C-alpha atoms as a PDB file:
ATOM      1  CA  UNK A   1     -25.251  38.933  50.684  1.00  0.00           C
ATOM      2  CA  UNK A   2     -22.051  37.104  49.945  1.00  0.00           C
ATOM      3  CA  UNK A   3     -19.374  37.401  52.625  1.00  0.00           C
ATOM      4  CA  UNK A   4     -16.010  35.804  53.358  1.00  0.00           C
ATOM      5  CA  UNK A   5     -17.028  33.693  56.365  1.00  0.00           C
ATOM      6  CA  UNK A   6     -17.380  30.717  54.052  1.00  0.00           C
ATOM      7  CA  UNK A   7     -19.493  27.714  55.012  1.00  0.00           C
ATOM      8  CA  UNK A   8     -20.358  24.555  53.081  1.00  0.00           C
ATOM      9  CA  UNK A   9     -21.809  25.518  49.713  1.00  0.00           C
ATOM     10  CA  UNK A  10     -20.628  29.138  49.775  1.00  0.00           C
ATOM     11  CA  UNK A  11     -19.055  30.536  46.617  1.00  0.00           C
ATOM     12  CA  UNK A  12     -15.519  30.871  47.968  1.00  0.00           C
ATOM     13  CA  UNK A  13     -13.399  31.266  44.821  1.00  0.00           C
ATOM     14  CA  UNK A  14     -13.781  32.646  41.343  1.00  0.00           C
ATOM     15  CA  UNK A  15     -11.430  32.450  38.393  1.00  0.00           C
ATOM     16  CA  UNK A  16     -11.338  33.254  34.725  1.00  0.00           C
ATOM     17  CA  UNK A  17      -9.878  31.031  32.031  1.00  0.00           C
ATOM     18  CA  UNK A  18      -8.669  33.103  29.101  1.00  0.00           C
ATOM     19  CA  UNK A  19      -6.731  32.522  25.865  1.00  0.00           C
ATOM     20  CA  UNK A  20      -4.792  35.751  26.469  1.00  0.00           C
ATOM     21  CA  UNK A  21      -4.194  36.432  30.139  1.00  0.00           C
ATOM     22  CA  UNK A  22      -2.287  39.665  29.543  1.00  0.00           C
ATOM     23  CA  UNK A  23      -5.143  41.158  27.529  1.00  0.00           C
ATOM     24  CA  UNK A  24      -7.733  39.882  30.011  1.00  0.00           C
ATOM     25  CA  UNK A  25      -5.818  41.421  32.910  1.00  0.00           C
ATOM     26  CA  UNK A  26      -5.683  44.734  31.054  1.00  0.00           C
ATOM     27  CA  UNK A  27      -9.430  44.646  30.344  1.00  0.00           C
ATOM     28  CA  UNK A  28     -10.509  43.953  33.912  1.00  0.00           C
ATOM     29  CA  UNK A  29      -7.936  46.400  35.201  1.00  0.00           C
ATOM     30  CA  UNK A  30      -9.533  49.132  33.110  1.00  0.00           C
ATOM     31  CA  UNK A  31     -13.139  48.129  33.821  1.00  0.00           C
ATOM     32  CA  UNK A  32     -13.038  47.145  37.493  1.00  0.00           C
ATOM     33  CA  UNK A  33      -9.755  48.620  38.656  1.00  0.00           C
ATOM     34  CA  UNK A  34      -8.236  45.226  39.402  1.00  0.00           C
ATOM     35  CA  UNK A  35      -4.506  44.668  39.747  1.00  0.00           C
ATOM     36  CA  UNK A  36      -3.137  41.333  38.513  1.00  0.00           C
ATOM     37  CA  UNK A  37      -0.515  39.665  40.705  1.00  0.00           C
ATOM     38  CA  UNK A  38       1.241  36.496  39.516  1.00  0.00           C
ATOM     39  CA  UNK A  39       0.960  33.442  41.763  1.00  0.00           C
ATOM     40  CA  UNK A  40       4.573  32.589  40.935  1.00  0.00           C
ATOM     41  CA  UNK A  41       6.781  31.050  38.234  1.00  0.00           C
ATOM     42  CA  UNK A  42       5.572  27.496  38.884  1.00  0.00           C
ATOM     43  CA  UNK A  43       1.838  28.175  38.468  1.00  0.00           C
ATOM     44  CA  UNK A  44       1.569  28.164  34.674  1.00  0.00           C
ATOM     45  CA  UNK A  45       0.614  31.810  34.338  1.00  0.00           C
ATOM     46  CA  UNK A  46      -2.053  31.714  37.061  1.00  0.00           C
ATOM     47  CA  UNK A  47      -2.453  34.748  39.270  1.00  0.00           C
ATOM     48  CA  UNK A  48      -4.770  36.868  41.357  1.00  0.00           C
ATOM     49  CA  UNK A  49      -6.916  39.917  40.732  1.00  0.00           C
ATOM     50  CA  UNK A  50      -6.697  42.236  43.719  1.00  0.00           C
ATOM     51  CA  UNK A  51      -8.413  45.339  45.077  1.00  0.00           C
ATOM     52  CA  UNK A  52      -6.478  47.234  47.747  1.00  0.00           C
ATOM     53  CA  UNK A  53      -4.167  44.239  48.122  1.00  0.00           C
ATOM     54  CA  UNK A  54      -6.994  41.747  48.709  1.00  0.00           C
ATOM     55  CA  UNK A  55      -7.770  38.916  46.290  1.00  0.00           C
ATOM     56  CA  UNK A  56     -11.186  39.280  44.632  1.00  0.00           C
ATOM     57  CA  UNK A  57     -10.812  36.801  41.734  1.00  0.00           C
ATOM     58  CA  UNK A  58      -8.145  34.911  39.808  1.00  0.00           C
ATOM     59  CA  UNK A  59      -6.996  34.444  36.217  1.00  0.00           C
ATOM     60  CA  UNK A  60      -5.249  31.699  34.314  1.00  0.00           C
ATOM     61  CA  UNK A  61      -4.803  30.324  30.801  1.00  0.00           C
ATOM     62  CA  UNK A  62      -7.340  27.886  29.384  1.00  0.00           C
ATOM     63  CA  UNK A  63      -6.302  24.314  30.178  1.00  0.00           C
ATOM     64  CA  UNK A  64      -9.062  22.127  28.697  1.00  0.00           C
ATOM     65  CA  UNK A  65      -8.962  21.272  24.992  1.00  0.00           C
ATOM     66  CA  UNK A  66     -11.688  23.151  23.147  1.00  0.00           C
ATOM     67  CA  UNK A  67     -12.548  25.259  26.194  1.00  0.00           C
ATOM     68  CA  UNK A  68     -13.857  28.777  25.720  1.00  0.00           C
ATOM     69  CA  UNK A  69     -13.097  31.736  27.924  1.00  0.00           C
ATOM     70  CA  UNK A  70     -15.413  31.691  30.936  1.00  0.00           C
ATOM     71  CA  UNK A  71     -15.720  32.560  34.587  1.00  0.00           C
ATOM     72  CA  UNK A  72     -15.741  29.596  36.972  1.00  0.00           C
ATOM     73  CA  UNK A  73     -17.416  29.817  40.370  1.00  0.00           C
ATOM     74  CA  UNK A  74     -16.067  27.514  43.088  1.00  0.00           C
ATOM     75  CA  UNK A  75     -18.101  26.297  46.042  1.00  0.00           C
ATOM     76  CA  UNK A  76     -16.719  25.372  49.437  1.00  0.00           C
ATOM     77  CA  UNK A  77     -16.673  21.785  50.606  1.00  0.00           C
ATOM     78  CA  UNK A  78     -15.063  20.281  53.690  1.00  0.00           C
ATOM     79  CA  UNK A  79     -14.853  16.837  52.047  1.00  0.00           C
ATOM     80  CA  UNK A  80     -14.124  17.142  48.357  1.00  0.00           C
ATOM     81  CA  UNK A  81     -13.954  13.372  47.817  1.00  0.00           C
ATOM     82  CA  UNK A  82     -17.462  12.868  49.182  1.00  0.00           C
ATOM     83  CA  UNK A  83     -18.811  15.859  47.255  1.00  0.00           C
ATOM     84  CA  UNK A  84     -17.366  14.563  43.988  1.00  0.00           C
ATOM     85  CA  UNK A  85     -19.091  11.242  44.629  1.00  0.00           C
ATOM     86  CA  UNK A  86     -22.350  13.135  45.180  1.00  0.00           C
ATOM     87  CA  UNK A  87     -21.850  14.946  41.869  1.00  0.00           C
ATOM     88  CA  UNK A  88     -21.799  11.627  40.031  1.00  0.00           C
ATOM     89  CA  UNK A  89     -24.647  10.169  42.074  1.00  0.00           C
ATOM     90  CA  UNK A  90     -26.777  13.215  41.293  1.00  0.00           C
ATOM     91  CA  UNK A  91     -26.289  12.954  37.536  1.00  0.00           C
ATOM     92  CA  UNK A  92     -23.460  15.437  37.140  1.00  0.00           C
ATOM     93  CA  UNK A  93     -20.099  14.905  35.466  1.00  0.00           C
ATOM     94  CA  UNK A  94     -16.694  15.224  37.089  1.00  0.00           C
ATOM     95  CA  UNK A  95     -14.383  16.956  34.605  1.00  0.00           C
ATOM     96  CA  UNK A  96     -11.352  17.056  36.884  1.00  0.00           C
ATOM     97  CA  UNK A  97     -10.819  14.745  39.837  1.00  0.00           C
ATOM     98  CA  UNK A  98      -9.718  16.260  43.153  1.00  0.00           C
ATOM     99  CA  UNK A  99      -6.143  17.493  43.155  1.00  0.00           C
ATOM    100  CA  UNK A 100      -3.970  19.205  45.721  1.00  0.00           C
ATOM    101  CA  UNK A 101      -3.009  22.762  44.761  1.00  0.00           C
ATOM    102  CA  UNK A 102       0.385  23.135  46.420  1.00  0.00           C
ATOM    103  CA  UNK A 103      -1.120  22.918  49.890  1.00  0.00           C
ATOM    104  CA  UNK A 104      -3.439  25.874  49.300  1.00  0.00           C
ATOM    105  CA  UNK A 105      -6.452  23.571  49.017  1.00  0.00           C
ATOM    106  CA  UNK A 106      -8.063  20.762  47.047  1.00  0.00           C
ATOM    107  CA  UNK A 107      -9.664  21.513  43.679  1.00  0.00           C
ATOM    108  CA  UNK A 108     -12.124  19.617  41.482  1.00  0.00           C
ATOM    109  CA  UNK A 109     -14.197  20.674  38.478  1.00  0.00           C
ATOM    110  CA  UNK A 110     -17.613  19.412  37.443  1.00  0.00           C
ATOM    111  CA  UNK A 111     -20.625  19.980  35.210  1.00  0.00           C
ATOM    112  CA  UNK A 112     -24.143  19.830  36.601  1.00  0.00           C
ATOM    113  CA  UNK A 113     -26.855  17.676  34.949  1.00  0.00           C
ATOM    114  CA  UNK A 114     -28.060  20.589  32.809  1.00  0.00           C
ATOM    115  CA  UNK A 115     -24.648  21.648  31.548  1.00  0.00           C
ATOM    116  CA  UNK A 116     -23.499  24.458  33.841  1.00  0.00           C
ATOM    117  CA  UNK A 117     -19.855  24.168  34.848  1.00  0.00           C
ATOM    118  CA  UNK A 118     -18.649  24.790  38.387  1.00  0.00           C
ATOM    119  CA  UNK A 119     -15.771  23.903  40.677  1.00  0.00           C
ATOM    120  CA  UNK A 120     -15.224  22.696  44.225  1.00  0.00           C
ATOM    121  CA  UNK A 121     -12.680  24.090  46.661  1.00  0.00           C
ATOM    122  CA  UNK A 122     -11.700  22.421  49.928  1.00  0.00           C
ATOM    123  CA  UNK A 123      -9.646  25.017  51.805  1.00  0.00           C
ATOM    124  CA  UNK A 124      -6.095  24.373  52.888  1.00  0.00           C
ATOM    125  CA  UNK A 125      -3.961  27.435  53.502  1.00  0.00           C
ATOM    126  CA  UNK A 126      -6.308  29.461  51.296  1.00  0.00           C
ATOM    127  CA  UNK A 127      -9.886  29.728  52.550  1.00  0.00           C
ATOM    128  CA  UNK A 128     -11.098  31.657  49.539  1.00  0.00           C
ATOM    129  CA  UNK A 129     -11.551  35.188  48.269  1.00  0.00           C
ATOM    130  CA  UNK A 130     -10.424  37.928  50.625  1.00  0.00           C
ATOM    131  CA  UNK A 131     -12.986  40.592  49.706  1.00  0.00           C
ATOM    132  CA  UNK A 132     -16.580  40.290  48.452  1.00  0.00           C
ATOM    133  CA  UNK A 133     -19.723  42.450  48.256  1.00  0.00           C
ATOM    134  CA  UNK A 134     -17.620  45.620  48.101  1.00  0.00           C
ATOM    135  CA  UNK A 135     -17.254  47.878  45.044  1.00  0.00           C
ATOM    136  CA  UNK A 136     -15.667  46.005  42.119  1.00  0.00           C
ATOM    137  CA  UNK A 137     -15.926  42.590  43.813  1.00  0.00           C
ATOM    138  CA  UNK A 138     -18.183  39.549  43.595  1.00  0.00           C
ATOM    139  CA  UNK A 139     -21.525  40.037  45.318  1.00  0.00           C
ATOM    140  CA  UNK A 140     -23.885  37.501  43.682  1.00  0.00           C
ATOM    141  CA  UNK A 141     -23.733  34.199  41.771  1.00  0.00           C
ATOM    142  CA  UNK A 142     -26.574  33.336  39.423  1.00  0.00           C
ATOM    143  CA  UNK A 143     -27.440  29.981  37.858  1.00  0.00           C
ATOM    144  CA  UNK A 144     -29.206  29.883  34.505  1.00  0.00           C
ATOM    145  CA  UNK A 145     -30.598  26.479  33.541  1.00  0.00           C
ATOM    146  CA  UNK A 146     -33.423  25.006  31.428  1.00  0.00           C
ATOM    147  CA  UNK A 147     -35.081  23.587  34.558  1.00  0.00           C
ATOM    148  CA  UNK A 148     -33.928  25.557  37.603  1.00  0.00           C
ATOM    149  CA  UNK A 149     -35.914  23.468  40.083  1.00  0.00           C
ATOM    150  CA  UNK A 150     -34.277  20.231  38.950  1.00  0.00           C
ATOM    151  CA  UNK A 151     -30.837  21.811  38.925  1.00  0.00           C
ATOM    152  CA  UNK A 152     -31.312  23.292  42.391  1.00  0.00           C
ATOM    153  CA  UNK A 153     -32.234  19.824  43.650  1.00  0.00           C
ATOM    154  CA  UNK A 154     -28.893  18.571  42.335  1.00  0.00           C
ATOM    155  CA  UNK A 155     -26.973  21.237  44.250  1.00  0.00           C
ATOM    156  CA  UNK A 156     -29.066  20.642  47.361  1.00  0.00           C
ATOM    157  CA  UNK A 157     -27.793  17.074  47.242  1.00  0.00           C
ATOM    158  CA  UNK A 158     -24.250  18.446  47.346  1.00  0.00           C
ATOM    159  CA  UNK A 159     -24.563  21.353  49.751  1.00  0.00           C
ATOM    160  CA  UNK A 160     -28.015  21.384  51.371  1.00  0.00           C
ATOM    161  CA  UNK A 161     -28.880  24.817  49.958  1.00  0.00           C
ATOM    162  CA  UNK A 162     -32.133  26.518  50.900  1.00  0.00           C
ATOM    163  CA  UNK A 163     -34.323  28.433  48.448  1.00  0.00           C
ATOM    164  CA  UNK A 164     -36.868  31.206  48.582  1.00  0.00           C
ATOM    165  CA  UNK A 165     -39.121  32.134  45.664  1.00  0.00           C
ATOM    166  CA  UNK A 166     -39.143  35.749  44.545  1.00  0.00           C
ATOM    167  CA  UNK A 167     -41.740  36.799  41.948  1.00  0.00           C
ATOM    168  CA  UNK A 168     -40.232  38.375  38.847  1.00  0.00           C
ATOM    169  CA  UNK A 169     -41.685  39.457  35.485  1.00  0.00           C
ATOM    170  CA  UNK A 170     -42.590  36.320  33.534  1.00  0.00           C
ATOM    171  CA  UNK A 171     -40.907  33.879  35.904  1.00  0.00           C
ATOM    172  CA  UNK A 172     -40.195  32.845  39.456  1.00  0.00           C
ATOM    173  CA  UNK A 173     -36.708  33.749  40.610  1.00  0.00           C
ATOM    174  CA  UNK A 174     -35.228  31.502  43.281  1.00  0.00           C
ATOM    175  CA  UNK A 175     -32.897  33.011  45.850  1.00  0.00           C
ATOM    176  CA  UNK A 176     -30.229  30.558  47.028  1.00  0.00           C
ATOM    177  CA  UNK A 177     -28.871  30.382  50.574  1.00  0.00           C
ATOM    178  CA  UNK A 178     -26.412  28.130  52.343  1.00  0.00           C
ATOM    179  CA  UNK A 179     -27.747  25.686  54.911  1.00  0.00           C
ATOM    180  CA  UNK A 180     -26.409  27.569  57.938  1.00  0.00           C
ATOM    181  CA  UNK A 181     -27.679  30.651  59.754  1.00  0.00           C
ATOM    182  CA  UNK A 182     -30.443  33.108  58.948  1.00  0.00           C
ATOM    183  CA  UNK A 183     -31.725  32.339  55.460  1.00  0.00           C
ATOM    184  CA  UNK A 184     -31.722  35.918  54.226  1.00  0.00           C
ATOM    185  CA  UNK A 185     -28.284  36.661  55.647  1.00  0.00           C
ATOM    186  CA  UNK A 186     -26.980  33.408  54.128  1.00  0.00           C
ATOM    187  CA  UNK A 187     -28.207  34.206  50.605  1.00  0.00           C
ATOM    188  CA  UNK A 188     -25.443  34.327  48.008  1.00  0.00           C
ATOM    189  CA  UNK A 189     -27.136  33.969  44.636  1.00  0.00           C
ATOM    190  CA  UNK A 190     -30.133  32.929  42.632  1.00  0.00           C
ATOM    191  CA  UNK A 191     -31.445  30.686  39.882  1.00  0.00           C
ATOM    192  CA  UNK A 192     -33.468  31.570  36.804  1.00  0.00           C
ATOM    193  CA  UNK A 193     -34.648  29.795  33.641  1.00  0.00           C
ATOM    194  CA  UNK A 194     -32.801  30.258  30.380  1.00  0.00           C
ATOM    195  CA  UNK A 195     -34.171  32.908  28.040  1.00  0.00           C
ATOM    196  CA  UNK A 196     -35.928  31.118  25.182  1.00  0.00           C
ATOM    197  CA  UNK A 197     -34.636  31.713  21.697  1.00  0.00           C
ATOM    198  CA  UNK A 198     -31.514  33.666  22.658  1.00  0.00           C
ATOM    199  CA  UNK A 199     -29.013  30.834  22.372  1.00  0.00           C
ATOM    200  CA  UNK A 200     -28.127  31.180  26.029  1.00  0.00           C
ATOM    201  CA  UNK A 201     -26.142  28.315  27.542  1.00  0.00           C
ATOM    202  CA  UNK A 202     -26.573  26.863  31.038  1.00  0.00           C
ATOM    203  CA  UNK A 203     -24.038  28.668  33.188  1.00  0.00           C
ATOM    204  CA  UNK A 204     -23.160  30.321  36.441  1.00  0.00           C
ATOM    205  CA  UNK A 205     -22.852  34.100  36.029  1.00  0.00           C
ATOM    206  CA  UNK A 206     -20.810  36.183  38.498  1.00  0.00           C
ATOM    207  CA  UNK A 207     -22.209  39.590  39.413  1.00  0.00           C
ATOM    208  CA  UNK A 208     -19.726  42.313  40.309  1.00  0.00           C
ATOM    209  CA  UNK A 209     -20.611  45.332  42.437  1.00  0.00           C
ATOM    210  CA  UNK A 210     -20.497  48.421  40.219  1.00  0.00           C
ATOM    211  CA  UNK A 211     -20.714  51.855  41.781  1.00  0.00           C
ATOM    212  CA  UNK A 212     -22.090  53.125  38.445  1.00  0.00           C
ATOM    213  CA  UNK A 213     -23.313  50.422  36.061  1.00  0.00           C
ATOM    214  CA  UNK A 214     -23.703  52.756  33.076  1.00  0.00           C
ATOM    215  CA  UNK A 215     -20.236  54.250  33.417  1.00  0.00           C
ATOM    216  CA  UNK A 216     -18.722  50.787  33.819  1.00  0.00           C
ATOM    217  CA  UNK A 217     -20.517  49.604  30.672  1.00  0.00           C
ATOM    218  CA  UNK A 218     -19.055  52.519  28.722  1.00  0.00           C
ATOM    219  CA  UNK A 219     -15.566  51.677  29.961  1.00  0.00           C
ATOM    220  CA  UNK A 220     -16.033  48.015  29.057  1.00  0.00           C
ATOM    221  CA  UNK A 221     -17.155  48.875  25.527  1.00  0.00           C
ATOM    222  CA  UNK A 222     -14.243  51.241  24.984  1.00  0.00           C
ATOM    223  CA  UNK A 223     -11.900  48.410  25.981  1.00  0.00           C
ATOM    224  CA  UNK A 224     -13.345  45.755  23.666  1.00  0.00           C
ATOM    225  CA  UNK A 225     -16.191  44.396  25.777  1.00  0.00           C
ATOM    226  CA  UNK A 226     -19.747  43.836  24.580  1.00  0.00           C
ATOM    227  CA  UNK A 227     -23.192  44.409  26.078  1.00  0.00           C
ATOM    228  CA  UNK A 228     -25.242  41.214  26.244  1.00  0.00           C
ATOM    229  CA  UNK A 229     -28.119  42.643  28.273  1.00  0.00           C
ATOM    230  CA  UNK A 230     -28.504  46.433  28.464  1.00  0.00           C
ATOM    231  CA  UNK A 231     -28.642  48.146  31.825  1.00  0.00           C
ATOM    232  CA  UNK A 232     -32.025  47.829  33.467  1.00  0.00           C
ATOM    233  CA  UNK A 233     -33.497  48.763  36.816  1.00  0.00           C
ATOM    234  CA  UNK A 234     -34.835  45.867  38.876  1.00  0.00           C
ATOM    235  CA  UNK A 235     -37.167  46.977  41.671  1.00  0.00           C
ATOM    236  CA  UNK A 236     -35.747  46.416  45.167  1.00  0.00           C
ATOM    237  CA  UNK A 237     -32.527  45.022  43.660  1.00  0.00           C
ATOM    238  CA  UNK A 238     -30.718  47.718  41.705  1.00  0.00           C
ATOM    239  CA  UNK A 239     -29.411  48.522  38.233  1.00  0.00           C
ATOM    240  CA  UNK A 240     -27.860  45.620  36.393  1.00  0.00           C
ATOM    241  CA  UNK A 241     -26.433  44.561  33.033  1.00  0.00           C
ATOM    242  CA  UNK A 242     -24.759  41.561  31.405  1.00  0.00           C
ATOM    243  CA  UNK A 243     -21.469  41.989  29.580  1.00  0.00           C
ATOM    244  CA  UNK A 244     -18.975  39.918  27.633  1.00  0.00           C
ATOM    245  CA  UNK A 245     -15.243  40.523  27.866  1.00  0.00           C
ATOM    246  CA  UNK A 246     -13.140  40.692  24.659  1.00  0.00           C
ATOM    247  CA  UNK A 247     -12.843  36.876  24.624  1.00  0.00           C
ATOM    248  CA  UNK A 248     -16.514  36.122  25.295  1.00  0.00           C
ATOM    249  CA  UNK A 249     -16.494  35.424  29.032  1.00  0.00           C
ATOM    250  CA  UNK A 250     -19.872  36.438  30.455  1.00  0.00           C
ATOM    251  CA  UNK A 251     -20.238  38.476  33.625  1.00  0.00           C
ATOM    252  CA  UNK A 252     -22.758  40.879  35.103  1.00  0.00           C
ATOM    253  CA  UNK A 253     -22.744  44.225  36.862  1.00  0.00           C
ATOM    254  CA  UNK A 254     -25.034  45.303  39.668  1.00  0.00           C
ATOM    255  CA  UNK A 255     -25.347  48.662  41.355  1.00  0.00           C
ATOM    256  CA  UNK A 256     -27.371  47.725  44.430  1.00  0.00           C
ATOM    257  CA  UNK A 257     -30.444  49.766  45.327  1.00  0.00           C
ATOM    258  CA  UNK A 258     -29.170  51.959  48.193  1.00  0.00           C
ATOM    259  CA  UNK A 259     -32.475  51.469  50.003  1.00  0.00           C
ATOM    260  CA  UNK A 260     -31.882  47.732  50.298  1.00  0.00           C
END
């Protein structure tokens, strides 16, 4: 499960681009109990979502022309320049070249060959998120792509990820792990094919730990959110659902099976 001892290829940051940061902060505050803390007057409205004083995600205004509200998962690299070169060599697109973020780290943004957007973070003063895999925090990152095997190969060229197949109804789900340590302990996410005929776009979907998925869904709906995939029980995983926030950003909830 995802931790905060980040290694190469770990999801180590997560932020939301929104057209209305005040409304987005209010929504996630109501749904997940997050507190929004500004990063300062010189950061263009960017700030941090916190739980018990620890950063669990971030929020900022949309900066790309034509961009839609979405969650962006960042992956750790120790050499962002080399990783960006590997993105291009592997058939991906670099949307934002590496830039220094006030000494906190180096940031770049990219799109994989099948259209899923992601970011790279080379730590400086900020290693990454301060709390994960706890209630109301990130615990899983899931890639949805037309051809998961081909897309995984792209990311393996960047980070050396390992995979393990897990049978699932109508498909093979691929569990993703970083290249270091015990493979199961190093797992942080998975990859699945797009659902045919549903208009789903290639994307990375963040899963947040919900203590009660159904209650959290009800709170989301009462605050302007929408249900994209109703709550369902997945054997040996837990109860999960996909939601959209009031501006269309997609995220998921998971109440882990207590036996796992």
